[in-house]
């Protein structure tokens, strides 16, 4: 049971990390001044 949870957690971290890199790259490409702060 814990093995499945660990695998899912690892994939979740990798997915979120990839999304974060894309978001940062997009922000840098469009310019930090135009980056919307929520």
PDB file of N, CA and C in Angstrom:
ATOM      1  N   UNK A   1       0.832  -1.205   0.000  1.00  0.00           N
ATOM      2  CA  UNK A   1       0.000   0.000   0.000  1.00  0.00           C
ATOM      3  C   UNK A   1       0.865   1.253   0.000  1.00  0.00           C
ATOM      4  N   UNK A   2       1.860   1.243   0.893  1.00  0.00           N
ATOM      5  CA  UNK A   2       2.732   2.414   0.979  1.00  0.00           C
ATOM      6  C   UNK A   2       3.586   2.576  -0.279  1.00  0.00           C
ATOM      7  N   UNK A   3       3.891   1.461  -0.935  1.00  0.00           N
ATOM      8  CA  UNK A   3       4.694   1.548  -2.162  1.00  0.00           C
ATOM      9  C   UNK A   3       3.924   2.302  -3.240  1.00  0.00           C
ATOM     10  N   UNK A   4       2.635   2.019  -3.353  1.00  0.00           N
ATOM     11  CA  UNK A   4       1.806   2.695  -4.359  1.00  0.00           C
ATOM     12  C   UNK A   4       1.712   4.183  -4.041  1.00  0.00           C
ATOM     13  N   UNK A   5       1.513   4.504  -2.760  1.00  0.00           N
ATOM     14  CA  UNK A   5       1.420   5.908  -2.351  1.00  0.00           C
ATOM     15  C   UNK A   5       2.729   6.638  -2.650  1.00  0.00           C
ATOM     16  N   UNK A   6       3.850   5.965  -2.379  1.00  0.00           N
ATOM     17  CA  UNK A   6       5.159   6.579  -2.629  1.00  0.00           C
ATOM     18  C   UNK A   6       5.355   6.856  -4.112  1.00  0.00           C
ATOM     19  N   UNK A   7       4.972   5.893  -4.957  1.00  0.00           N
ATOM     20  CA  UNK A   7       5.119   6.063  -6.404  1.00  0.00           C
ATOM     21  C   UNK A   7       4.258   7.221  -6.898  1.00  0.00           C
ATOM     22  N   UNK A   8       3.023   7.278  -6.423  1.00  0.00           N
ATOM     23  CA  UNK A   8       2.119   8.364  -6.821  1.00  0.00           C
ATOM     24  C   UNK A   8       2.672   9.706  -6.362  1.00  0.00           C
ATOM     25  N   UNK A   9       3.208   9.752  -5.151  1.00  0.00           N
ATOM     26  CA  UNK A   9       3.769  10.988  -4.615  1.00  0.00           C
ATOM     27  C   UNK A   9       4.958  11.454  -5.454  1.00  0.00           C
ATOM     28  N   UNK A  10       5.818  10.523  -5.845  1.00  0.00           N
ATOM     29  CA  UNK A  10       6.990  10.864  -6.658  1.00  0.00           C
ATOM     30  C   UNK A  10       6.560  11.427  -8.009  1.00  0.00           C
ATOM     31  N   UNK A  11       5.578  10.775  -8.647  1.00  0.00           N
ATOM     32  CA  UNK A  11       5.096  11.265  -9.935  1.00  0.00           C
ATOM     33  C   UNK A  11       4.457  12.641  -9.786  1.00  0.00           C
ATOM     34  N   UNK A  12       3.757  12.861  -8.682  1.00  0.00           N
ATOM     35  CA  UNK A  12       3.112  14.152  -8.433  1.00  0.00           C
ATOM     36  C   UNK A  12       4.161  15.253  -8.305  1.00  0.00           C
ATOM     37  N   UNK A  13       5.241  14.960  -7.576  1.00  0.00           N
ATOM     38  CA  UNK A  13       6.317  15.947  -7.397  1.00  0.00           C
ATOM     39  C   UNK A  13       6.990  16.256  -8.731  1.00  0.00           C
ATOM     40  N   UNK A  14       7.251  15.218  -9.517  1.00  0.00           N
ATOM     41  CA  UNK A  14       7.891  15.416 -10.819  1.00  0.00           C
ATOM     42  C   UNK A  14       6.995  16.237 -11.740  1.00  0.00           C
ATOM     43  N   UNK A  15       5.689  15.960 -11.711  1.00  0.00           N
ATOM     44  CA  UNK A  15       4.740  16.684 -12.563  1.00  0.00           C
ATOM     45  C   UNK A  15       4.667  18.148 -12.151  1.00  0.00           C
ATOM     46  N   UNK A  16       4.558  18.399 -10.850  1.00  0.00           N
ATOM     47  CA  UNK A  16       4.486  19.776 -10.364  1.00  0.00           C
ATOM     48  C   UNK A  16       5.784  20.518 -10.660  1.00  0.00           C
ATOM     49  N   UNK A  17       6.911  19.825 -10.542  1.00  0.00           N
ATOM     50  CA  UNK A  17       8.203  20.444 -10.821  1.00  0.00           C
ATOM     51  C   UNK A  17       8.309  20.849 -12.281  1.00  0.00           C
ATOM     52  N   UNK A  18       7.795  19.994 -13.172  1.00  0.00           N
ATOM     53  CA  UNK A  18       7.825  20.297 -14.608  1.00  0.00           C
ATOM     54  C   UNK A  18       6.917  21.487 -14.909  1.00  0.00           C
ATOM     55  N   UNK A  19       5.748  21.520 -14.301  1.00  0.00           N
ATOM     56  CA  UNK A  19       4.816  22.629 -14.506  1.00  0.00           C
ATOM     57  C   UNK A  19       5.434  23.932 -14.011  1.00  0.00           C
ATOM     58  N   UNK A  20       6.143  23.861 -12.882  1.00  0.00           N
ATOM     59  CA  UNK A  20       6.758  25.055 -12.312  1.00  0.00           C
ATOM     60  C   UNK A  20       7.849  25.580 -13.233  1.00  0.00           C
ATOM     61  N   UNK A  21       8.641  24.678 -13.819  1.00  0.00           N
ATOM     62  CA  UNK A  21       9.700  25.093 -14.742  1.00  0.00           C
ATOM     63  C   UNK A  21       9.109  25.785 -15.962  1.00  0.00           C
ATOM     64  N   UNK A  22       7.987  25.247 -16.471  1.00  0.00           N
ATOM     65  CA  UNK A  22       7.327  25.847 -17.630  1.00  0.00           C
ATOM     66  C   UNK A  22       6.811  27.241 -17.268  1.00  0.00           C
ATOM     67  N   UNK A  23       6.235  27.373 -16.077  1.00  0.00           N
ATOM     68  CA  UNK A  23       5.696  28.661 -15.633  1.00  0.00           C
ATOM     69  C   UNK A  23       6.815  29.694 -15.505  1.00  0.00           C
ATOM     70  N   UNK A  24       7.939  29.268 -14.926  1.00  0.00           N
ATOM     71  CA  UNK A  24       9.081  30.176 -14.753  1.00  0.00           C
ATOM     72  C   UNK A  24       9.652  30.574 -16.108  1.00  0.00           C
ATOM     73  N   UNK A  25       9.768  29.610 -17.023  1.00  0.00           N
ATOM     74  CA  UNK A  25      10.299  29.892 -18.354  1.00  0.00           C
ATOM     75  C   UNK A  25       9.386  30.862 -19.094  1.00  0.00           C
ATOM     76  N   UNK A  26       8.076  30.682 -18.946  1.00  0.00           N
ATOM     77  CA  UNK A  26       7.115  31.580 -19.591  1.00  0.00           C
ATOM     78  C   UNK A  26       7.233  32.980 -19.012  1.00  0.00           C
ATOM     79  N   UNK A  27       7.395  33.069 -17.709  1.00  0.00           N
ATOM     80  CA  UNK A  27       7.522  34.369 -17.049  1.00  0.00           C
ATOM     81  C   UNK A  27       8.779  35.090 -17.530  1.00  0.00           C
ATOM     82  N   UNK A  28       9.878  34.352 -17.649  1.00  0.00           N
ATOM     83  CA  UNK A  28      11.126  34.956 -18.106  1.00  0.00           C
ATOM     84  C   UNK A  28      11.018  35.404 -19.559  1.00  0.00           C
ATOM     85  N   UNK A  29      10.314  34.615 -20.375  1.00  0.00           N
ATOM     86  CA  UNK A  29      10.184  34.933 -21.796  1.00  0.00           C
ATOM     87  C   UNK A  29       9.346  36.193 -21.993  1.00  0.00           C
ATOM     88  N   UNK A  30       8.297  36.349 -21.181  1.00  0.00           N
ATOM     89  CA  UNK A  30       7.402  37.493 -21.330  1.00  0.00           C
ATOM     90  C   UNK A  30       7.931  38.706 -20.572  1.00  0.00           C
ATOM     91  N   UNK A  31       8.922  38.496 -19.733  1.00  0.00           N
ATOM     92  CA  UNK A  31       9.481  39.602 -18.966  1.00  0.00           C
ATOM     93  C   UNK A  31       8.928  39.602 -17.552  1.00  0.00           C
ATOM     94  N   UNK A  32       9.829  39.744 -16.573  1.00  0.00           N
ATOM     95  CA  UNK A  32       9.413  39.673 -15.170  1.00  0.00           C
ATOM     96  C   UNK A  32       8.467  40.813 -14.810  1.00  0.00           C
ATOM     97  N   UNK A  33       8.606  41.985 -15.458  1.00  0.00           N
ATOM     98  CA  UNK A  33       7.757  43.129 -15.122  1.00  0.00           C
ATOM     99  C   UNK A  33       6.306  42.883 -15.492  1.00  0.00           C
ATOM    100  N   UNK A  34       6.084  42.073 -16.537  1.00  0.00           N
ATOM    101  CA  UNK A  34       4.724  41.790 -16.982  1.00  0.00           C
ATOM    102  C   UNK A  34       4.157  40.544 -16.323  1.00  0.00           C
ATOM    103  N   UNK A  35       4.924  39.946 -15.414  1.00  0.00           N
ATOM    104  CA  UNK A  35       4.463  38.719 -14.764  1.00  0.00           C
ATOM    105  C   UNK A  35       3.359  39.043 -13.758  1.00  0.00           C
ATOM    106  N   UNK A  36       2.169  38.443 -13.942  1.00  0.00           N
ATOM    107  CA  UNK A  36       1.036  38.737 -13.050  1.00  0.00           C
ATOM    108  C   UNK A  36       1.245  38.187 -11.650  1.00  0.00           C
ATOM    109  N   UNK A  37       1.135  39.048 -10.652  1.00  0.00           N
ATOM    110  CA  UNK A  37       1.278  38.610  -9.266  1.00  0.00           C
ATOM    111  C   UNK A  37      -0.097  38.399  -8.666  1.00  0.00           C
ATOM    112  N   UNK A  38      -0.375  37.174  -8.220  1.00  0.00           N
ATOM    113  CA  UNK A  38      -1.709  36.855  -7.706  1.00  0.00           C
ATOM    114  C   UNK A  38      -1.775  36.990  -6.193  1.00  0.00           C
TER     115      UNK A  38
END
